[in-house]
Amino acid sequence: WTPPADFDHQLTTWFFLAPAPQGTVRVDGREIAEHVWLTPAEALRRHAASDYTWFLPPTYVTLHNLQGFATVADALAAAQRSEPHFYETRLTVTSTGEEVALWPGDAGFETSNPDMPGPRHRLWATPGRPWSLERSSVSGLT
């Protein structure tokens, strides 16, 4: 994941898929303030029900992709069959004021024009409304 060029912090984000180790997580009050295990679907439900944003787009899309798998083994098997996907993000606003993150493959990506008709690869992320991922085609983990 690469943030938009005009972001203050240019930190590329990488996500790795692996089974969680056995044992307990120790809340240390510094790096970990609280801890809970959630399914991807439950994390997305809590995000949608919240008055504030829990996630940035990379986390949201990753959880969205993982919620379709019944087990960790299923997700790992799908990941082994697919190539990594790279996201270069462009944030923009539609003519009606909706915030949207565009990625390569979206008709509006090259020009940062979210109103352009055509294929979609975007995240609708208007504050105060549930986020929504829109893709013209989906195959496995993307």
Foldseek 3Di string as FASTA:
>chain_A
DFEAPPDPDGDDDDDDQDDDDDDDDDQPCPPHVDDDDDQLVVVLVCQQVDLDHPDDVVSNLQSVLRNVDPDSVRLVVLVVVDDDDDWYWDWDAAPVGWIKIATPPAPCVVVVHNVDDDFGAMWTDGRPHRIDGGGPDDDHRD
